[in-house]
Amino acid sequence: MTTAAETNGPMRLNRFLARAGVASRRRCDDLIASGAVRINGAPPTGPGDRVDPLRDRVEVEGRGAVSLPIVGEYILLNKRRDTLVTRSDERGRKTIYEGLRLRPGTVAVGRLDRDTSGALLLTDDGELAYRLMHPRYGAEKCYVAIVRGQPSPATLRRLREGIILDDGPTAPAQVQRLHDDDQGRARLELVLKEGRKHQVKRMCEAVGHRVIQLRRERFASLDVLSLAPGSSRPLQPREISVLRGLVGLPKD
């Protein structure tokens, strides 16, 4: 598997330290400001200094030289509803990180709303995360939405062709109506290749069908069919290779 250093190249000093497991990025800023960090024997000018993990020697007082892990961390989570994708919440609401033991540099790839459940990838592989979120690379996100009312064939066609939102038109999407329930609600499957904020909710609202429940069934090549809500697992090497190949990165 490609090392973290080879994947990302030069990076900000505070990000490097966090990914090396020294501390959170905010705590690393404090360490840099205190004079506890050296790059090739010299003090940095600030947390934004660039370091090359393959060429530069970074030392932290009390720890000696630090380096990135040989293999990145890749965790698949089946996010529960009513959890936030944030490290902490000033209002004390539950977050996805409670109970997860992760490296300081491991973060969620994109976000799911508090009331949205389903597949969420967490990784410290920065280049993979960037490409999975960028529409240029076409990574698919498959959602199942329960909406009020029964969308007509013409409405589904509008969703497939693209909707004009306040931040511009959406890209074409795959949309199918799965089934209705006895409460006047429809179940839709939407497959997108972009990931704007609240996109599925805004698309459905724009055609007159408010989303009342949303779940991400699949993210790129990953699904959570075998994971209970709130559970997580590390990716297998084969799964990592497939993900990297989907966005044009070396598989090994």
C-alpha atoms as a PDB file:
ATOM      1  CA  MET A   1       0.000   0.000   0.000  1.00  0.00           C
ATOM      2  CA  THR A   2       1.259   3.480  -0.849  1.00  0.00           C
ATOM      3  CA  THR A   3       2.622   5.296   2.199  1.00  0.00           C
ATOM      4  CA  ALA A   4       0.955   8.415   3.483  1.00  0.00           C
ATOM      5  CA  ALA A   5       4.027  10.444   2.598  1.00  0.00           C
ATOM      6  CA  GLU A   6       4.099   9.239  -0.986  1.00  0.00           C
ATOM      7  CA  THR A   7       0.398   9.921  -1.388  1.00  0.00           C
ATOM      8  CA  ASN A   8       0.381  13.529  -0.253  1.00  0.00           C
ATOM      9  CA  GLY A   9       3.806  15.139  -0.851  1.00  0.00           C
ATOM     10  CA  PRO A  10       4.641  18.470   0.856  1.00  0.00           C
ATOM     11  CA  MET A  11       2.073  19.573   3.422  1.00  0.00           C
ATOM     12  CA  ARG A  12       1.461  22.122   6.157  1.00  0.00           C
ATOM     13  CA  LEU A  13       3.486  21.521   9.289  1.00  0.00           C
ATOM     14  CA  ASN A  14       0.496  21.323  11.644  1.00  0.00           C
ATOM     15  CA  ARG A  15      -1.215  18.812   9.368  1.00  0.00           C
ATOM     16  CA  PHE A  16       1.940  16.723   9.166  1.00  0.00           C
ATOM     17  CA  LEU A  17       2.269  16.634  12.957  1.00  0.00           C
ATOM     18  CA  ALA A  18      -1.382  15.677  13.409  1.00  0.00           C
ATOM     19  CA  ARG A  19      -1.128  12.883  10.859  1.00  0.00           C
ATOM     20  CA  ALA A  20       2.064  11.670  12.523  1.00  0.00           C
ATOM     21  CA  GLY A  21       0.033  11.146  15.686  1.00  0.00           C
ATOM     22  CA  VAL A  22       1.626  13.905  17.755  1.00  0.00           C
ATOM     23  CA  ALA A  23      -1.674  15.565  18.769  1.00  0.00           C
ATOM     24  CA  SER A  24      -4.744  17.230  17.333  1.00  0.00           C
ATOM     25  CA  ARG A  25      -4.048  19.936  14.766  1.00  0.00           C
ATOM     26  CA  ARG A  26      -5.015  22.659  17.234  1.00  0.00           C
ATOM     27  CA  ARG A  27      -2.679  21.244  19.875  1.00  0.00           C
ATOM     28  CA  CYS A  28       0.073  21.011  17.240  1.00  0.00           C
ATOM     29  CA  ASP A  29      -0.365  24.751  16.599  1.00  0.00           C
ATOM     30  CA  ASP A  30       0.336  25.305  20.297  1.00  0.00           C
ATOM     31  CA  LEU A  31       3.437  23.107  20.180  1.00  0.00           C
ATOM     32  CA  ILE A  32       4.768  25.020  17.172  1.00  0.00           C
ATOM     33  CA  ALA A  33       4.114  28.360  18.868  1.00  0.00           C
ATOM     34  CA  SER A  34       5.874  27.185  22.038  1.00  0.00           C
ATOM     35  CA  GLY A  35       9.108  26.441  20.162  1.00  0.00           C
ATOM     36  CA  ALA A  36       8.906  22.684  20.693  1.00  0.00           C
ATOM     37  CA  VAL A  37       9.159  21.853  16.966  1.00  0.00           C
ATOM     38  CA  ARG A  38      12.156  21.915  14.628  1.00  0.00           C
ATOM     39  CA  ILE A  39      12.391  21.379  10.867  1.00  0.00           C
ATOM     40  CA  ASN A  40      15.861  20.209   9.835  1.00  0.00           C
ATOM     41  CA  GLY A  41      17.174  21.675  13.080  1.00  0.00           C
ATOM     42  CA  ALA A  42      15.624  25.131  12.627  1.00  0.00           C
ATOM     43  CA  PRO A  43      12.477  26.580  14.247  1.00  0.00           C
ATOM     44  CA  PRO A  44       9.508  27.003  11.878  1.00  0.00           C
ATOM     45  CA  THR A  45       7.973  30.383  11.212  1.00  0.00           C
ATOM     46  CA  GLY A  46       4.475  29.072  11.896  1.00  0.00           C
ATOM     47  CA  PRO A  47       2.005  26.172  11.492  1.00  0.00           C
ATOM     48  CA  GLY A  48       1.630  26.910   7.782  1.00  0.00           C
ATOM     49  CA  ASP A  49       5.259  26.098   6.950  1.00  0.00           C
ATOM     50  CA  ARG A  50       5.502  23.360   4.331  1.00  0.00           C
ATOM     51  CA  VAL A  51       7.371  20.143   5.015  1.00  0.00           C
ATOM     52  CA  ASP A  52       8.185  17.240   2.719  1.00  0.00           C
ATOM     53  CA  PRO A  53       7.715  13.986   4.645  1.00  0.00           C
ATOM     54  CA  LEU A  54      10.229  12.225   2.394  1.00  0.00           C
ATOM     55  CA  ARG A  55      13.015  14.804   2.737  1.00  0.00           C
ATOM     56  CA  ASP A  56      12.579  16.917   5.870  1.00  0.00           C
ATOM     57  CA  ARG A  57      13.413  15.868   9.421  1.00  0.00           C
ATOM     58  CA  VAL A  58      10.779  17.082  11.843  1.00  0.00           C
ATOM     59  CA  GLU A  59      11.497  16.858  15.569  1.00  0.00           C
ATOM     60  CA  VAL A  60       9.234  17.494  18.539  1.00  0.00           C
ATOM     61  CA  GLU A  61      10.688  18.146  21.969  1.00  0.00           C
ATOM     62  CA  GLY A  62      10.296  15.073  24.115  1.00  0.00           C
ATOM     63  CA  ARG A  63       9.495  12.808  21.170  1.00  0.00           C
ATOM     64  CA  GLY A  64      12.453  13.129  18.844  1.00  0.00           C
ATOM     65  CA  ALA A  65      11.958  12.767  15.098  1.00  0.00           C
ATOM     66  CA  VAL A  66       8.410  12.006  13.962  1.00  0.00           C
ATOM     67  CA  SER A  67       7.149  10.550  10.693  1.00  0.00           C
ATOM     68  CA  LEU A  68       3.922   9.636   8.980  1.00  0.00           C
ATOM     69  CA  PRO A  69       2.502   6.134   9.438  1.00  0.00           C
ATOM     70  CA  ILE A  70       3.561   3.644   6.792  1.00  0.00           C
ATOM     71  CA  VAL A  71      -0.045   2.847   5.872  1.00  0.00           C
ATOM     72  CA  GLY A  72      -2.989   5.225   6.017  1.00  0.00           C
ATOM     73  CA  GLU A  73      -6.032   4.695   8.209  1.00  0.00           C
ATOM     74  CA  TYR A  74      -9.301   3.852   6.449  1.00  0.00           C
ATOM     75  CA  ILE A  75     -12.466   3.382   8.510  1.00  0.00           C
ATOM     76  CA  LEU A  76     -16.010   2.790   7.269  1.00  0.00           C
ATOM     77  CA  LEU A  77     -18.770   3.965   9.624  1.00  0.00           C
ATOM     78  CA  ASN A  78     -22.508   3.335   9.465  1.00  0.00           C
ATOM     79  CA  LYS A  79     -23.504   6.724  10.842  1.00  0.00           C
ATOM     80  CA  ARG A  80     -26.490   6.889  13.148  1.00  0.00           C
ATOM     81  CA  ARG A  81     -29.136   9.559  12.816  1.00  0.00           C
ATOM     82  CA  ASP A  82     -28.908  12.426  15.320  1.00  0.00           C
ATOM     83  CA  THR A  83     -25.098  12.421  15.389  1.00  0.00           C
ATOM     84  CA  LEU A  84     -22.867  15.242  14.182  1.00  0.00           C
ATOM     85  CA  VAL A  85     -19.823  14.905  11.935  1.00  0.00           C
ATOM     86  CA  THR A  86     -17.609  17.044  14.152  1.00  0.00           C
ATOM     87  CA  ARG A  87     -14.971  16.443  16.813  1.00  0.00           C
ATOM     88  CA  SER A  88     -16.925  18.275  19.510  1.00  0.00           C
ATOM     89  CA  ASP A  89     -20.140  20.232  19.895  1.00  0.00           C
ATOM     90  CA  GLU A  90     -20.542  23.199  22.221  1.00  0.00           C
ATOM     91  CA  ARG A  91     -24.173  22.201  22.831  1.00  0.00           C
ATOM     92  CA  GLY A  92     -23.192  18.720  23.969  1.00  0.00           C
ATOM     93  CA  ARG A  93     -24.856  16.849  21.136  1.00  0.00           C
ATOM     94  CA  LYS A  94     -23.577  13.401  20.154  1.00  0.00           C
ATOM     95  CA  THR A  95     -20.876  13.180  17.490  1.00  0.00           C
ATOM     96  CA  ILE A  96     -19.665  10.326  15.319  1.00  0.00           C
ATOM     97  CA  TYR A  97     -16.269  10.403  17.040  1.00  0.00           C
ATOM     98  CA  GLU A  98     -17.574   9.246  20.421  1.00  0.00           C
ATOM     99  CA  GLY A  99     -16.257   5.723  20.940  1.00  0.00           C
ATOM    100  CA  LEU A 100     -13.994   5.812  17.872  1.00  0.00           C
ATOM    101  CA  ARG A 101     -10.261   5.467  18.431  1.00  0.00           C
ATOM    102  CA  LEU A 102      -8.633   7.240  15.499  1.00  0.00           C
ATOM    103  CA  ARG A 103      -5.320   8.838  14.650  1.00  0.00           C
ATOM    104  CA  PRO A 104      -5.377  12.623  15.159  1.00  0.00           C
ATOM    105  CA  GLY A 105      -5.116  13.181  11.404  1.00  0.00           C
ATOM    106  CA  THR A 106      -8.028  10.923  10.458  1.00  0.00           C
ATOM    107  CA  VAL A 107     -11.089  12.893   9.370  1.00  0.00           C
ATOM    108  CA  ALA A 108     -14.439  12.257   7.711  1.00  0.00           C
ATOM    109  CA  VAL A 109     -14.565  12.417   3.921  1.00  0.00           C
ATOM    110  CA  GLY A 110     -17.283  15.002   3.521  1.00  0.00           C
ATOM    111  CA  ARG A 111     -20.189  15.375   5.913  1.00  0.00           C
ATOM    112  CA  LEU A 112     -23.598  13.923   6.497  1.00  0.00           C
ATOM    113  CA  ASP A 113     -26.280  16.040   8.152  1.00  0.00           C
ATOM    114  CA  ARG A 114     -27.160  15.328  11.752  1.00  0.00           C
ATOM    115  CA  ASP A 115     -30.400  13.609  10.730  1.00  0.00           C
ATOM    116  CA  THR A 116     -28.835  11.668   7.829  1.00  0.00           C
ATOM    117  CA  SER A 117     -27.562   8.139   8.383  1.00  0.00           C
ATOM    118  CA  GLY A 118     -25.438   5.696   6.426  1.00  0.00           C
ATOM    119  CA  ALA A 119     -22.045   5.232   4.831  1.00  0.00           C
ATOM    120  CA  LEU A 120     -19.247   7.554   5.942  1.00  0.00           C
ATOM    121  CA  LEU A 121     -15.540   7.067   5.253  1.00  0.00           C
ATOM    122  CA  LEU A 122     -12.869   8.356   7.636  1.00  0.00           C
ATOM    123  CA  THR A 123      -9.226   8.461   6.567  1.00  0.00           C
ATOM    124  CA  ASP A 124      -5.911  10.267   6.873  1.00  0.00           C
ATOM    125  CA  ASP A 125      -5.219   9.707   3.154  1.00  0.00           C
ATOM    126  CA  GLY A 126      -5.630  13.305   2.074  1.00  0.00           C
ATOM    127  CA  GLU A 127      -5.321  12.839  -1.678  1.00  0.00           C
ATOM    128  CA  LEU A 128      -7.875  10.028  -1.696  1.00  0.00           C
ATOM    129  CA  ALA A 129     -10.292  12.118   0.382  1.00  0.00           C
ATOM    130  CA  TYR A 130      -9.891  15.089  -1.957  1.00  0.00           C
ATOM    131  CA  ARG A 131     -10.541  13.049  -5.083  1.00  0.00           C
ATOM    132  CA  LEU A 132     -13.521  11.203  -3.625  1.00  0.00           C
ATOM    133  CA  MET A 133     -15.201  14.548  -2.905  1.00  0.00           C
ATOM    134  CA  HIS A 134     -14.297  16.344  -6.138  1.00  0.00           C
ATOM    135  CA  PRO A 135     -16.951  15.908  -8.875  1.00  0.00           C
ATOM    136  CA  ARG A 136     -14.195  15.736 -11.497  1.00  0.00           C
ATOM    137  CA  TYR A 137     -13.408  12.166 -10.408  1.00  0.00           C
ATOM    138  CA  GLY A 138     -17.012  10.971 -10.501  1.00  0.00           C
ATOM    139  CA  ALA A 139     -17.224   9.006  -7.256  1.00  0.00           C
ATOM    140  CA  GLU A 140     -20.860   8.019  -6.786  1.00  0.00           C
ATOM    141  CA  LYS A 141     -22.936   8.610  -3.663  1.00  0.00           C
ATOM    142  CA  CYS A 142     -26.125   6.571  -3.462  1.00  0.00           C
ATOM    143  CA  TYR A 143     -28.929   7.890  -1.227  1.00  0.00           C
ATOM    144  CA  VAL A 144     -32.354   6.574  -0.322  1.00  0.00           C
ATOM    145  CA  ALA A 145     -34.780   9.353   0.582  1.00  0.00           C
ATOM    146  CA  ILE A 146     -38.289   9.130   1.968  1.00  0.00           C
ATOM    147  CA  VAL A 147     -40.256  12.140   0.710  1.00  0.00           C
ATOM    148  CA  ARG A 148     -43.731  13.493   1.222  1.00  0.00           C
ATOM    149  CA  GLY A 149     -46.109  12.904  -1.696  1.00  0.00           C
ATOM    150  CA  GLN A 150     -45.713  10.791  -4.823  1.00  0.00           C
ATOM    151  CA  PRO A 151     -43.410  12.326  -7.442  1.00  0.00           C
ATOM    152  CA  SER A 152     -44.717  12.099 -10.979  1.00  0.00           C
ATOM    153  CA  PRO A 153     -42.676  10.718 -13.895  1.00  0.00           C
ATOM    154  CA  ALA A 154     -42.114  14.309 -15.024  1.00  0.00           C
ATOM    155  CA  THR A 155     -40.752  15.233 -11.594  1.00  0.00           C
ATOM    156  CA  LEU A 156     -38.379  12.280 -11.592  1.00  0.00           C
ATOM    157  CA  ARG A 157     -37.196  13.331 -15.045  1.00  0.00           C
ATOM    158  CA  ARG A 158     -36.420  16.825 -13.732  1.00  0.00           C
ATOM    159  CA  LEU A 159     -34.346  15.335 -10.930  1.00  0.00           C
ATOM    160  CA  ARG A 160     -32.464  13.157 -13.413  1.00  0.00           C
ATOM    161  CA  GLU A 161     -31.726  16.018 -15.806  1.00  0.00           C
ATOM    162  CA  GLY A 162     -30.643  18.523 -13.150  1.00  0.00           C
ATOM    163  CA  ILE A 163     -32.270  21.085 -10.888  1.00  0.00           C
ATOM    164  CA  ILE A 164     -31.497  24.792 -10.705  1.00  0.00           C
ATOM    165  CA  LEU A 165     -30.491  25.562  -7.113  1.00  0.00           C
ATOM    166  CA  ASP A 166     -29.298  28.814  -5.581  1.00  0.00           C
ATOM    167  CA  ASP A 167     -25.672  27.731  -6.151  1.00  0.00           C
ATOM    168  CA  GLY A 168     -26.228  26.659  -9.761  1.00  0.00           C
ATOM    169  CA  PRO A 169     -27.634  23.689 -11.667  1.00  0.00           C
ATOM    170  CA  THR A 170     -27.036  20.180 -10.386  1.00  0.00           C
ATOM    171  CA  ALA A 171     -25.372  17.567 -12.563  1.00  0.00           C
ATOM    172  CA  PRO A 172     -27.481  14.786 -14.103  1.00  0.00           C
ATOM    173  CA  ALA A 173     -28.319  12.063 -11.560  1.00  0.00           C
ATOM    174  CA  GLN A 174     -29.719   8.554 -11.541  1.00  0.00           C
ATOM    175  CA  VAL A 175     -33.137   8.623  -9.877  1.00  0.00           C
ATOM    176  CA  GLN A 176     -35.720   5.911  -9.424  1.00  0.00           C
ATOM    177  CA  ARG A 177     -38.880   5.594  -7.384  1.00  0.00           C
ATOM    178  CA  LEU A 178     -38.704   2.470  -5.253  1.00  0.00           C
ATOM    179  CA  HIS A 179     -42.137   2.268  -3.624  1.00  0.00           C
ATOM    180  CA  ASP A 180     -44.735   4.241  -1.679  1.00  0.00           C
ATOM    181  CA  ASP A 181     -46.048   3.608   1.815  1.00  0.00           C
ATOM    182  CA  ASP A 182     -49.516   3.891   3.324  1.00  0.00           C
ATOM    183  CA  GLN A 183     -48.782   7.352   4.724  1.00  0.00           C
ATOM    184  CA  GLY A 184     -48.602   9.152   1.405  1.00  0.00           C
ATOM    185  CA  ARG A 185     -44.816   9.034   1.195  1.00  0.00           C
ATOM    186  CA  ALA A 186     -42.515   7.833  -1.579  1.00  0.00           C
ATOM    187  CA  ARG A 187     -39.103   6.181  -1.360  1.00  0.00           C
ATOM    188  CA  LEU A 188     -36.561   7.412  -3.896  1.00  0.00           C
ATOM    189  CA  GLU A 189     -33.062   6.262  -4.772  1.00  0.00           C
ATOM    190  CA  LEU A 190     -30.720   8.999  -6.003  1.00  0.00           C
ATOM    191  CA  VAL A 191     -27.164   8.417  -7.244  1.00  0.00           C
ATOM    192  CA  LEU A 192     -25.083  11.608  -7.444  1.00  0.00           C
ATOM    193  CA  LYS A 193     -21.540  12.360  -8.567  1.00  0.00           C
ATOM    194  CA  GLU A 194     -21.292  15.635  -6.685  1.00  0.00           C
ATOM    195  CA  GLY A 195     -21.690  16.435  -3.023  1.00  0.00           C
ATOM    196  CA  ARG A 196     -23.016  19.900  -2.303  1.00  0.00           C
ATOM    197  CA  LYS A 197     -24.320  20.857   1.115  1.00  0.00           C
ATOM    198  CA  HIS A 198     -27.826  19.430   1.726  1.00  0.00           C
ATOM    199  CA  GLN A 199     -27.970  18.585  -1.975  1.00  0.00           C
ATOM    200  CA  VAL A 200     -30.506  15.746  -1.923  1.00  0.00           C
ATOM    201  CA  LYS A 201     -32.816  17.670   0.406  1.00  0.00           C
ATOM    202  CA  ARG A 202     -32.586  20.818  -1.710  1.00  0.00           C
ATOM    203  CA  MET A 203     -33.188  18.936  -4.963  1.00  0.00           C
ATOM    204  CA  CYS A 204     -36.294  17.239  -3.648  1.00  0.00           C
ATOM    205  CA  GLU A 205     -37.573  20.435  -2.022  1.00  0.00           C
ATOM    206  CA  ALA A 206     -37.138  22.259  -5.336  1.00  0.00           C
ATOM    207  CA  VAL A 207     -39.589  19.860  -7.028  1.00  0.00           C
ATOM    208  CA  GLY A 208     -42.117  20.012  -4.204  1.00  0.00           C
ATOM    209  CA  HIS A 209     -41.278  16.896  -2.187  1.00  0.00           C
ATOM    210  CA  ARG A 210     -39.742  17.505   1.225  1.00  0.00           C
ATOM    211  CA  VAL A 211     -37.319  14.861   2.495  1.00  0.00           C
ATOM    212  CA  ILE A 212     -38.361  13.450   5.848  1.00  0.00           C
ATOM    213  CA  GLN A 213     -35.730  10.710   6.104  1.00  0.00           C
ATOM    214  CA  LEU A 214     -32.383  10.294   4.329  1.00  0.00           C
ATOM    215  CA  ARG A 215     -29.794   7.556   4.303  1.00  0.00           C
ATOM    216  CA  ARG A 216     -26.597   7.169   2.273  1.00  0.00           C
ATOM    217  CA  GLU A 217     -26.575   3.541   1.200  1.00  0.00           C
ATOM    218  CA  ARG A 218     -23.293   3.626  -0.676  1.00  0.00           C
ATOM    219  CA  PHE A 219     -20.242   5.841  -0.931  1.00  0.00           C
ATOM    220  CA  ALA A 220     -18.100   5.108  -4.015  1.00  0.00           C
ATOM    221  CA  SER A 221     -17.507   1.328  -3.800  1.00  0.00           C
ATOM    222  CA  LEU A 222     -18.432   1.024  -0.103  1.00  0.00           C
ATOM    223  CA  ASP A 223     -21.768   0.041   1.423  1.00  0.00           C
ATOM    224  CA  VAL A 224     -22.825  -0.533   5.020  1.00  0.00           C
ATOM    225  CA  LEU A 225     -25.188  -3.472   4.524  1.00  0.00           C
ATOM    226  CA  SER A 226     -23.158  -5.605   6.955  1.00  0.00           C
ATOM    227  CA  LEU A 227     -22.712  -2.878   9.579  1.00  0.00           C
ATOM    228  CA  ALA A 228     -25.178  -2.151  12.370  1.00  0.00           C
ATOM    229  CA  PRO A 229     -26.063   1.530  12.908  1.00  0.00           C
ATOM    230  CA  GLY A 230     -23.233   3.242  14.753  1.00  0.00           C
ATOM    231  CA  SER A 231     -20.756   0.444  14.000  1.00  0.00           C
ATOM    232  CA  SER A 232     -17.473   0.835  12.142  1.00  0.00           C
ATOM    233  CA  ARG A 233     -14.706  -1.310  10.690  1.00  0.00           C
ATOM    234  CA  PRO A 234     -11.341  -0.851   8.995  1.00  0.00           C
ATOM    235  CA  LEU A 235     -11.258  -1.309   5.241  1.00  0.00           C
ATOM    236  CA  GLN A 236      -9.620  -4.393   3.820  1.00  0.00           C
ATOM    237  CA  PRO A 237      -6.580  -3.889   1.553  1.00  0.00           C
ATOM    238  CA  ARG A 238      -8.637  -4.933  -1.466  1.00  0.00           C
ATOM    239  CA  GLU A 239     -11.281  -2.301  -0.671  1.00  0.00           C
ATOM    240  CA  ILE A 240      -8.625   0.400  -0.375  1.00  0.00           C
ATOM    241  CA  SER A 241      -7.149  -0.599  -3.723  1.00  0.00           C
ATOM    242  CA  VAL A 242     -10.568  -0.436  -5.387  1.00  0.00           C
ATOM    243  CA  LEU A 243     -11.268   3.010  -3.901  1.00  0.00           C
ATOM    244  CA  ARG A 244      -7.935   4.397  -5.047  1.00  0.00           C
ATOM    245  CA  GLY A 245      -8.374   2.936  -8.489  1.00  0.00           C
ATOM    246  CA  LEU A 246     -11.793   4.563  -8.851  1.00  0.00           C
ATOM    247  CA  VAL A 247     -10.229   8.026  -8.595  1.00  0.00           C
ATOM    248  CA  GLY A 248      -7.062   7.357 -10.573  1.00  0.00           C
ATOM    249  CA  LEU A 249      -4.588   6.796  -7.727  1.00  0.00           C
ATOM    250  CA  PRO A 250      -2.042   3.953  -7.611  1.00  0.00           C
ATOM    251  CA  LYS A 251      -3.655   0.860  -6.107  1.00  0.00           C
ATOM    252  CA  ASP A 252      -0.543  -0.349  -4.280  1.00  0.00           C
END
